[in-house]
Protein backbone atom coordinates (compact mmCIF):
# COMPACT_ATOMS: atom_id res chain seq x y z
CA MET A 1 -38.21 -21.94 -10.66
CA GLU A 2 -35.29 -21.77 -12.78
CA LEU A 3 -33.22 -18.65 -12.30
CA ILE A 4 -33.62 -17.16 -15.86
CA GLU A 5 -37.49 -17.48 -15.09
CA VAL A 6 -36.73 -15.14 -12.24
CA ILE A 7 -34.71 -12.84 -14.24
CA LEU A 8 -37.44 -12.78 -16.85
CA SER A 9 -40.28 -12.22 -14.73
CA LYS A 10 -42.24 -8.95 -15.21
CA GLU A 11 -41.43 -7.77 -11.82
CA ASN A 12 -37.85 -7.93 -11.97
CA LEU A 13 -37.46 -6.54 -15.61
CA ASN A 14 -39.61 -3.48 -14.66
CA ARG A 15 -37.84 -2.96 -11.71
CA ALA A 16 -34.23 -3.62 -13.64
CA TYR A 17 -35.65 -0.84 -16.40
CA LYS A 18 -36.65 1.63 -13.38
CA LYS A 19 -33.16 1.75 -12.18
CA VAL A 20 -31.57 2.15 -15.39
CA VAL A 21 -33.81 5.37 -16.05
CA THR A 22 -32.85 6.54 -12.85
CA ASN A 23 -29.22 5.94 -13.19
CA LYS A 24 -29.52 8.03 -16.54
CA GLY A 25 -26.11 7.52 -18.64
CA ALA A 26 -24.85 7.98 -21.89
CA SER A 27 -25.97 5.96 -25.10
CA GLY A 28 -24.25 2.56 -26.34
CA VAL A 29 -23.09 1.66 -29.57
CA ASP A 30 -26.49 1.82 -31.08
CA GLY A 31 -27.06 5.44 -29.98
CA VAL A 32 -30.31 4.86 -28.13
CA THR A 33 -30.91 6.88 -25.08
CA VAL A 34 -32.32 5.70 -21.90
CA LYS A 35 -35.43 7.98 -22.69
CA GLU A 36 -35.79 6.52 -25.64
CA LEU A 37 -35.63 2.96 -24.25
CA GLY A 38 -39.21 2.73 -22.69
CA ASP A 39 -40.75 2.61 -26.25
CA TYR A 40 -38.02 0.35 -28.09
CA ILE A 41 -38.94 -2.27 -25.02
CA ARG A 42 -42.64 -1.62 -25.31
CA GLU A 43 -42.52 -2.72 -29.18
CA ASN A 44 -40.09 -5.63 -28.60
CA ARG A 45 -40.80 -6.86 -25.44
CA GLU A 46 -41.82 -10.51 -26.38
CA GLU A 47 -39.38 -10.58 -28.80
CA ILE A 48 -36.30 -9.91 -26.46
CA VAL A 49 -37.70 -12.05 -23.84
CA THR A 50 -38.00 -15.09 -26.11
CA SER A 51 -34.23 -14.52 -27.32
CA LEU A 52 -33.07 -14.35 -23.97
CA ARG A 53 -34.87 -17.50 -22.91
CA ASN A 54 -33.92 -19.27 -26.62
CA ARG A 55 -30.59 -18.43 -26.06
CA THR A 56 -30.35 -16.29 -29.56
CA TYR A 57 -30.24 -12.93 -27.92
CA MET A 58 -26.57 -11.45 -28.83
CA PRO A 59 -25.46 -8.57 -26.78
CA LYS A 60 -23.94 -5.56 -28.64
CA PRO A 61 -20.26 -4.64 -28.11
CA VAL A 62 -19.68 -1.63 -25.27
CA ARG A 63 -18.68 1.54 -26.02
CA ARG A 64 -15.08 2.36 -24.82
CA VAL A 65 -14.67 5.70 -23.04
CA TYR A 66 -11.66 6.82 -21.20
CA ILE A 67 -12.12 8.77 -17.40
CA PRO A 68 -8.75 10.75 -16.10
CA LYS A 69 -7.35 9.11 -12.78
CA ASP A 70 -5.91 11.06 -9.92
CA ASN A 71 -2.36 10.01 -11.45
CA GLY A 72 -2.79 11.23 -14.68
CA LYS A 73 -3.38 8.01 -16.25
CA LYS A 74 -6.91 7.04 -17.96
CA ARG A 75 -9.44 4.52 -16.85
CA PRO A 76 -11.22 2.65 -19.41
CA LEU A 77 -14.80 2.34 -18.99
CA GLY A 78 -17.21 0.27 -21.45
CA ILE A 79 -20.78 1.55 -21.80
CA PRO A 80 -23.32 -1.15 -22.95
CA THR A 81 -26.29 -0.08 -24.85
CA ALA A 82 -29.14 1.01 -22.86
CA LEU A 83 -31.01 -2.25 -23.42
CA ASP A 84 -28.10 -4.07 -22.57
CA ARG A 85 -27.72 -2.11 -19.21
CA ALA A 86 -31.34 -3.34 -18.52
CA ILE A 87 -30.62 -6.88 -19.11
CA GLN A 88 -27.88 -6.74 -16.96
CA GLN A 89 -29.39 -4.98 -14.19
CA ALA A 90 -31.99 -7.86 -14.58
CA ILE A 91 -29.58 -10.17 -13.97
CA ALA A 92 -27.50 -8.68 -11.42
CA GLN A 93 -30.58 -8.30 -9.10
CA PRO A 94 -31.63 -11.97 -8.34
CA ILE A 95 -27.78 -12.90 -8.44
CA SER A 96 -27.01 -10.28 -6.04
CA ASP A 97 -29.78 -11.67 -3.75
CA ILE A 98 -28.31 -15.22 -3.62
CA TYR A 99 -24.81 -13.90 -3.19
CA GLU A 100 -25.49 -11.39 -0.37
CA GLU A 101 -26.27 -14.46 2.20
CA ILE A 102 -22.62 -15.89 1.49
CA PHE A 103 -20.35 -12.90 1.17
CA SER A 104 -17.79 -12.11 3.47
CA GLY A 105 -18.68 -9.46 6.10
CA TYR A 106 -16.07 -7.43 5.43
CA SER A 107 -16.07 -6.75 1.93
CA TYR A 108 -17.98 -3.06 1.30
CA GLY A 109 -17.83 -2.46 -2.27
CA PHE A 110 -21.12 -2.09 -4.38
CA ARG A 111 -23.17 -4.06 -1.56
CA PRO A 112 -26.77 -2.89 -0.41
CA GLY A 113 -26.43 -1.09 2.95
CA ARG A 114 -22.52 -0.88 2.99
CA SER A 115 -20.37 2.07 2.06
CA CYS A 116 -16.63 3.40 1.57
CA HIS A 117 -16.96 4.72 5.22
CA ASP A 118 -17.85 1.23 6.55
CA ALA A 119 -14.52 0.11 5.17
CA ILE A 120 -12.69 2.85 6.43
CA ARG A 121 -14.11 2.44 10.07
CA GLN A 122 -13.13 -1.38 10.00
CA ALA A 123 -9.96 -0.27 9.07
CA LEU A 124 -9.58 2.37 11.90
CA GLU A 125 -10.73 -0.81 14.52
CA TYR A 126 -8.11 -3.06 13.35
CA LEU A 127 -5.41 -0.25 13.90
CA ASN A 128 -7.01 1.03 17.33
CA ASP A 129 -6.75 -2.88 18.48
CA GLY A 130 -2.78 -3.02 17.83
CA TYR A 131 -2.96 -4.38 14.25
CA GLU A 132 -0.57 -1.52 13.05
CA TRP A 133 1.36 -2.88 10.14
CA VAL A 134 -0.61 -2.62 6.84
CA VAL A 135 -0.46 -4.94 3.52
CA ASP A 136 -1.67 -2.41 0.67
CA ILE A 137 -2.49 -5.42 -1.89
CA ASP A 138 -2.82 -3.89 -5.40
CA ILE A 139 -4.36 -5.74 -8.01
CA GLU A 140 -2.85 -5.15 -11.43
CA GLN A 141 -5.85 -3.86 -14.11
CA PHE A 142 -8.20 -5.99 -12.08
CA PHE A 143 -11.56 -5.07 -14.32
CA ASP A 144 -9.43 -5.86 -17.45
CA LYS A 145 -7.74 -9.33 -16.29
CA VAL A 146 -10.57 -11.36 -14.70
CA ASN A 147 -10.39 -14.73 -16.21
CA HIS A 148 -13.90 -15.85 -17.91
CA ASP A 149 -13.65 -19.55 -17.21
CA LYS A 150 -12.56 -19.12 -13.57
CA LEU A 151 -15.49 -16.66 -12.89
CA ILE A 152 -18.30 -19.11 -14.80
CA GLN A 153 -16.78 -21.75 -12.72
CA ILE A 154 -17.21 -19.65 -9.17
CA LEU A 155 -20.60 -18.71 -10.51
CA ARG A 156 -21.73 -22.26 -11.20
CA GLU A 157 -21.03 -23.05 -7.55
CA GLN A 158 -24.19 -21.11 -6.51
CA VAL A 159 -26.18 -20.42 -10.32
CA ASN A 160 -27.24 -23.91 -11.23
CA ASP A 161 -28.70 -22.69 -14.34
CA SER A 162 -27.15 -23.16 -17.89
CA THR A 163 -29.13 -20.36 -19.76
CA THR A 164 -28.33 -17.66 -17.06
CA LEU A 165 -24.56 -18.66 -17.35
CA ASN A 166 -24.61 -18.91 -21.14
CA LEU A 167 -26.05 -15.35 -21.14
CA ILE A 168 -23.48 -13.97 -18.72
CA ARG A 169 -20.53 -15.44 -20.68
CA LYS A 170 -22.12 -13.58 -23.76
CA TYR A 171 -21.81 -10.48 -21.94
CA LEU A 172 -18.34 -11.25 -21.14
CA LYS A 173 -17.49 -11.88 -24.57
CA ALA A 174 -19.27 -9.28 -26.48
CA GLY A 175 -16.21 -7.22 -27.08
CA VAL A 176 -15.43 -3.35 -26.93
CA MET A 177 -15.78 -0.88 -29.71
CA GLU A 178 -13.03 1.82 -29.74
CA ASN A 179 -12.88 3.91 -33.01
CA GLY A 180 -15.43 2.23 -34.77
CA LEU A 181 -13.33 -1.05 -34.61
CA VAL A 182 -14.81 -3.90 -32.43
CA LYS A 183 -12.09 -5.92 -30.43
CA ALA A 184 -12.99 -9.21 -28.93
CA THR A 185 -12.71 -9.48 -24.88
CA ILE A 186 -11.04 -12.31 -23.83
CA THR A 187 -10.58 -11.62 -20.42
CA GLY A 188 -11.90 -9.12 -18.01
CA VAL A 189 -15.38 -7.61 -17.20
CA PRO A 190 -15.38 -4.12 -18.39
CA GLN A 191 -16.42 -1.43 -16.14
CA GLY A 192 -19.42 0.45 -16.67
CA GLY A 193 -22.25 -2.14 -16.75
CA PRO A 194 -24.49 -3.23 -13.72
CA LEU A 195 -23.12 -6.84 -14.12
CA SER A 196 -19.34 -5.74 -13.91
CA VAL A 197 -19.59 -5.02 -10.07
CA VAL A 198 -21.54 -8.34 -9.10
CA CYS A 199 -19.31 -10.43 -11.13
CA SER A 200 -15.99 -8.74 -9.83
CA ASN A 201 -17.32 -9.29 -5.84
CA ILE A 202 -17.96 -12.65 -6.60
CA TYR A 203 -15.00 -13.02 -8.24
CA LEU A 204 -12.98 -11.48 -5.42
CA ASP A 205 -15.13 -13.47 -2.63
CA LYS A 206 -12.53 -16.39 -3.28
CA LEU A 207 -10.26 -14.13 -1.86
CA ASP A 208 -11.96 -13.22 1.25
CA LYS A 209 -12.69 -16.69 2.22
CA GLU A 210 -9.04 -17.34 1.88
CA LEU A 211 -8.14 -14.52 4.02
CA GLU A 212 -11.08 -15.66 6.59
CA GLN A 213 -9.92 -19.15 6.89
CA ARG A 214 -6.34 -17.60 7.69
CA GLY A 215 -7.84 -16.07 10.58
CA LEU A 216 -6.57 -12.52 8.90
CA ARG A 217 -7.77 -8.81 9.76
CA PHE A 218 -8.56 -7.47 6.45
CA THR A 219 -11.04 -4.76 4.44
CA ARG A 220 -12.11 -4.95 0.96
CA TYR A 221 -13.92 -2.41 -1.08
CA ALA A 222 -13.89 -3.64 -4.73
CA ASP A 223 -10.24 -4.35 -5.63
CA ASP A 224 -8.82 -2.23 -3.10
CA VAL A 225 -7.69 -4.80 -0.01
CA LEU A 226 -5.93 -4.15 3.11
CA VAL A 227 -4.73 -6.31 5.68
CA PHE A 228 -3.53 -5.43 8.94
CA THR A 229 -1.33 -7.41 11.09
CA LYS A 230 0.72 -6.75 14.60
CA SER A 231 4.28 -7.17 13.13
CA GLU A 232 6.25 -6.41 10.09
CA MET A 233 7.69 -10.36 9.81
CA ALA A 234 3.74 -11.33 9.54
CA ALA A 235 3.20 -8.67 6.95
CA ASN A 236 5.72 -9.53 4.65
CA ARG A 237 4.67 -13.41 5.24
CA VAL A 238 1.27 -12.76 4.38
CA MET A 239 2.01 -10.24 1.41
CA LYS A 240 4.25 -12.87 0.00
CA SER A 241 1.69 -15.74 0.35
CA ILE A 242 -1.43 -13.75 -0.95
CA CYS A 243 0.22 -12.59 -4.10
CA SER A 244 1.58 -16.08 -4.74
CA TRP A 245 -2.12 -17.20 -4.12
CA LEU A 246 -3.94 -14.43 -6.37
CA GLU A 247 -1.55 -15.43 -9.04
CA ARG A 248 -2.37 -19.25 -8.84
CA LYS A 249 -5.94 -19.53 -7.74
CA LEU A 250 -7.65 -16.28 -9.45
CA PHE A 251 -4.99 -15.87 -12.54
CA LEU A 252 -4.63 -11.99 -11.05
CA LYS A 253 -1.14 -10.16 -11.30
CA VAL A 254 -0.34 -8.02 -8.08
CA ASN A 255 1.08 -4.92 -9.31
CA ALA A 256 4.61 -5.49 -7.83
CA THR A 257 5.77 -1.54 -7.17
CA LYS A 258 2.32 -0.53 -5.59
CA THR A 259 1.92 -3.54 -3.25
CA LYS A 260 3.60 -3.06 -0.17
CA VAL A 261 3.81 -3.27 3.61
CA VAL A 262 3.90 0.01 5.38
CA ARG A 263 2.96 1.84 8.44
CA PRO A 264 -0.85 3.22 8.77
CA THR A 265 0.69 6.87 8.24
CA ARG A 266 2.33 5.56 4.77
CA SER A 267 -0.81 3.91 3.48
CA LYS A 268 -4.24 5.60 1.59
CA TYR A 269 -7.23 3.93 1.49
CA LEU A 270 -10.46 5.26 -0.92
CA GLY A 271 -9.23 8.56 -0.61
CA PHE A 272 -8.08 8.80 3.14
CA ALA A 273 -4.99 8.88 4.99
CA PHE A 274 -4.39 7.45 8.11
CA LEU A 275 -3.03 9.55 11.49
CA LYS A 276 -2.83 9.20 15.05
CA ASN A 277 -4.56 11.99 16.83
CA GLY A 278 -5.00 11.97 21.06
CA GLY A 279 -3.50 8.44 21.08
CA GLU A 280 -6.04 6.88 18.88
CA TRP A 281 -6.18 6.25 14.86
CA LYS A 282 -8.17 8.43 12.82
CA VAL A 283 -8.30 9.51 9.05
CA LYS A 284 -8.04 12.80 7.02
CA PRO A 285 -8.73 13.60 3.19
CA THR A 286 -5.13 12.72 1.19
CA THR A 287 -3.45 15.79 0.16
CA GLU A 288 -4.22 14.96 -3.36
CA LYS A 289 -7.81 14.73 -3.12
CA LYS A 290 -8.08 18.30 -1.17
CA LYS A 291 -6.14 19.59 -4.40
CA LYS A 292 -8.30 17.96 -6.76
CA LEU A 293 -10.91 19.80 -5.00
CA LYS A 294 -9.30 23.06 -5.17
CA LYS A 295 -8.60 22.36 -8.98
CA LYS A 296 -12.04 21.38 -9.70
CA LEU A 297 -13.43 24.64 -8.06
CA SER A 298 -10.62 26.82 -9.77
CA GLU A 299 -11.79 25.69 -13.26
CA TYR A 300 -15.52 26.41 -12.59
CA LEU A 301 -14.49 29.99 -11.18
CA LYS A 302 -12.49 31.17 -13.90
CA ARG A 303 -13.22 34.80 -14.28
CA GLY A 304 -13.68 34.84 -17.85
CA LYS A 305 -16.67 32.23 -17.69
CA ALA A 306 -17.60 32.80 -14.20
CA VAL A 307 -18.42 37.01 -15.07
CA ALA A 308 -20.49 35.71 -17.73
CA ARG A 309 -22.55 33.27 -15.61
CA PRO A 310 -25.57 34.87 -13.35
CA LEU A 311 -23.66 34.77 -9.90
CA ALA A 312 -26.69 32.55 -8.37
CA VAL A 313 -25.89 29.76 -11.04
CA THR A 314 -22.35 29.98 -10.14
CA ILE A 315 -22.87 29.53 -6.42
CA ILE A 316 -25.45 26.78 -6.62
CA ARG A 317 -22.98 24.96 -8.55
CA VAL A 318 -20.32 25.79 -6.35
CA ASN A 319 -22.30 24.46 -3.30
CA GLU A 320 -23.27 21.01 -4.96
CA ILE A 321 -19.51 20.71 -5.68
CA VAL A 322 -18.21 21.27 -2.20
CA ARG A 323 -21.46 19.68 -0.35
CA GLY A 324 -20.66 16.35 -2.12
CA TRP A 325 -16.85 16.09 -1.65
CA ILE A 326 -17.84 17.27 2.42
CA ASN A 327 -20.34 14.17 2.46
CA TYR A 328 -17.92 11.66 1.23
CA PHE A 329 -14.84 12.90 3.20
CA ARG A 330 -17.13 13.61 6.60
CA ILE A 331 -15.67 11.14 8.54
CA GLY A 332 -12.13 12.68 8.45
CA LEU A 333 -10.36 15.11 10.35
CA MET A 334 -10.53 18.44 8.16
CA LYS A 335 -11.28 21.43 10.20
CA GLN A 336 -8.67 23.65 9.27
CA PHE A 337 -9.07 22.74 5.62
CA MET A 338 -12.88 23.38 5.95
CA GLU A 339 -11.95 26.95 7.33
CA ASP A 340 -9.47 27.90 4.86
CA LEU A 341 -11.47 26.47 1.87
CA GLY A 342 -14.05 28.89 3.04
CA GLN A 343 -12.00 31.72 3.02
CA TRP A 344 -10.71 30.96 -0.33
CA LEU A 345 -14.17 30.49 -1.99
CA ARG A 346 -15.38 33.69 -0.48
CA HIS A 347 -12.19 35.47 -2.01
CA LYS A 348 -13.10 33.92 -5.25
CA ILE A 349 -16.58 34.79 -5.30
CA ARG A 350 -15.78 38.54 -4.31
CA VAL A 351 -13.75 38.60 -7.24
CA ILE A 352 -16.54 37.59 -9.67
CA VAL A 353 -18.80 40.29 -8.23
CA MET A 354 -16.48 43.21 -8.67
CA LYS A 355 -15.60 41.77 -12.03
CA GLN A 356 -19.38 41.89 -12.93
CA TRP A 357 -19.44 45.59 -11.65
CA LYS A 358 -16.55 46.13 -14.20
CA LYS A 359 -16.66 50.06 -14.27
CA PRO A 360 -15.21 51.87 -11.14
CA LYS A 361 -18.42 54.05 -11.19
CA THR A 362 -20.80 50.83 -10.68
CA ILE A 363 -18.34 49.37 -8.14
CA TYR A 364 -18.28 52.77 -5.98
CA ARG A 365 -22.01 52.96 -6.42
CA ASN A 366 -22.82 49.34 -5.59
CA LEU A 367 -20.00 49.31 -2.30
CA CYS A 368 -21.62 52.59 -1.08
CA TYR A 369 -25.03 51.20 -1.26
CA LEU A 370 -24.34 48.03 0.56
CA ASN A 371 -22.28 49.88 3.00
CA TRP A 372 -25.35 52.30 4.03
CA LYS A 373 -27.40 49.33 3.72
CA ASN A 374 -25.47 47.16 6.07
CA ARG A 375 -23.93 50.21 8.14
CA ASN A 376 -20.12 48.81 7.67
CA GLY A 377 -19.35 52.41 8.65
CA PHE A 378 -16.62 52.85 5.68
CA ASN A 379 -16.42 56.59 4.49
CA HIS A 380 -16.91 57.67 0.64
CA GLU A 381 -13.11 57.88 0.37
CA ASP A 382 -11.87 54.82 1.27
CA ILE A 383 -14.59 53.20 -1.23
CA PHE A 384 -13.52 55.64 -3.76
CA LYS A 385 -9.82 54.29 -3.50
CA VAL A 386 -11.28 50.64 -3.95
CA ALA A 387 -13.44 51.52 -6.81
CA ASN A 388 -10.61 53.36 -8.77
CA SER A 389 -7.44 51.38 -7.97
CA ARG A 390 -5.06 50.36 -10.27
CA LEU A 391 -4.75 47.10 -8.58
CA GLY A 392 -5.54 43.36 -10.41
CA TRP A 393 -9.10 42.05 -9.52
CA TYR A 394 -7.88 39.52 -7.26
CA ARG A 395 -6.06 41.87 -4.97
CA ARG A 396 -8.28 44.64 -5.13
CA SER A 397 -11.18 41.93 -3.91
CA GLY A 398 -8.89 41.24 -0.72
CA MET A 399 -8.91 44.86 0.71
CA ASN A 400 -10.47 45.26 3.78
CA VAL A 401 -13.08 47.52 2.23
CA VAL A 402 -14.86 44.73 0.05
CA ASN A 403 -14.04 41.75 2.78
CA PHE A 404 -16.03 43.86 5.33
CA ILE A 405 -19.15 45.13 2.83
CA ILE A 406 -19.42 42.15 0.65
CA SER A 407 -19.19 40.36 4.07
CA LYS A 408 -19.12 36.69 4.59
CA ASP A 409 -22.92 37.04 6.00
CA LEU A 410 -23.99 38.84 3.21
CA LEU A 411 -22.48 36.08 0.62
CA GLU A 412 -24.17 33.09 2.94
CA ASN A 413 -27.49 34.68 3.51
CA ARG A 414 -28.12 37.80 1.32
CA ILE A 415 -27.40 36.72 -2.24
CA LYS A 416 -30.68 37.34 -4.72
CA ASP A 417 -32.40 34.15 -5.85
CA GLY A 418 -31.75 32.35 -2.75
CA ALA A 419 -28.45 31.16 -3.46
CA GLY A 420 -26.31 31.62 -0.37
CA LEU A 421 -22.88 30.76 -0.62
CA LEU A 422 -22.19 27.42 1.38
CA ASN A 423 -20.02 27.80 4.48
CA PRO A 424 -18.02 24.46 4.29
CA LEU A 425 -16.87 24.76 7.84
CA SER A 426 -20.51 24.99 9.19
CA TYR A 427 -21.67 22.29 6.93
CA TYR A 428 -18.80 20.01 7.81
CA LEU A 429 -19.32 20.42 11.63
CA VAL A 430 -23.11 19.64 11.26
CA LYS A 431 -22.36 16.60 9.71
CA VAL A 432 -20.06 15.23 12.31
CA GLY A 433 -22.31 16.32 14.90
CA ILE A 434 -20.32 19.08 16.41
């Protein structure tokens, strides 16, 4: 069976549609939402399938949006229409199945059963085997610079179906709509569609094969590549050679300022920094990632907005943010940071609670009740001083009376509506099995 028939099979199209619906996402240039997609496909299914088979289907341009990066710059994303996402997903599924058989074992990005944690573990294995010089290769604007002709040439090696290749080329050339104007895409695979991640892995598989052929130790996650050597001389030789190869063979430009030979402690990879602990190489979250987490939480916990929300709603959202962050960084060492974060969070929540009570009379009454109920042992005079203090909310919420009465146990286990504040340290220790 020709590949286009596999792509257009009812089973494959249904699987692609379900995947797109599950992933949700914003609408493209036509404004059709994922919720509306099902009805549109049911009404036009035969026409869509026929146009794809006859090569008359024309993808719509992607909608350009920008998302902030850690360094303050913005990353361009291209959002295809909901229908084009479904078709791209239908193309990506069988092509992924073909390439999974031949992809390198050291490529970890956007592949089934593989994750960034696997890439980090592989890097640590090299370091602990004595390969302690790192070549950090930064490909400049990779997703914007992929050469279309080269990509189709690489695809043709495994995808021997002209209709499928013609459709993929149409998606590469679909263009980008920004501020109401459509711009042609001469190079690149716009990030945002299911096809872009598959095509990027196929394109960079040539780099993987070259590194393997040279017998080099490397790990790659999408366009983030690290190569490990035993000496600085070897690392410099590899860097010069690989940069030249990328420009000659894949027509990709290497960022000269960011591509470097460094010791592991000077290298950052997928949000992690390397360190030596007890004679063994380990990882920890970078300082930038810790600051970003606290900034995100601070924004959400700004008093003006947080006081207006029910406390349970605030705590549930804070728990989601912290839990997601820990799940990603759990393979890193961060026990002290988790303890400090927990104390900081509890203080922030106490400030919100006190501000919600607002009036000195209400603060006094509520603290007295909690003091009596939980047998904290403070006298009425101590509580009265806190309730009527002229100090700001932040300093008042850090007093012993408030810390002990609105206790850690109370915040974690006895907030109404079942919204207990997550203890970051406890959750992290459970995740790492301590």
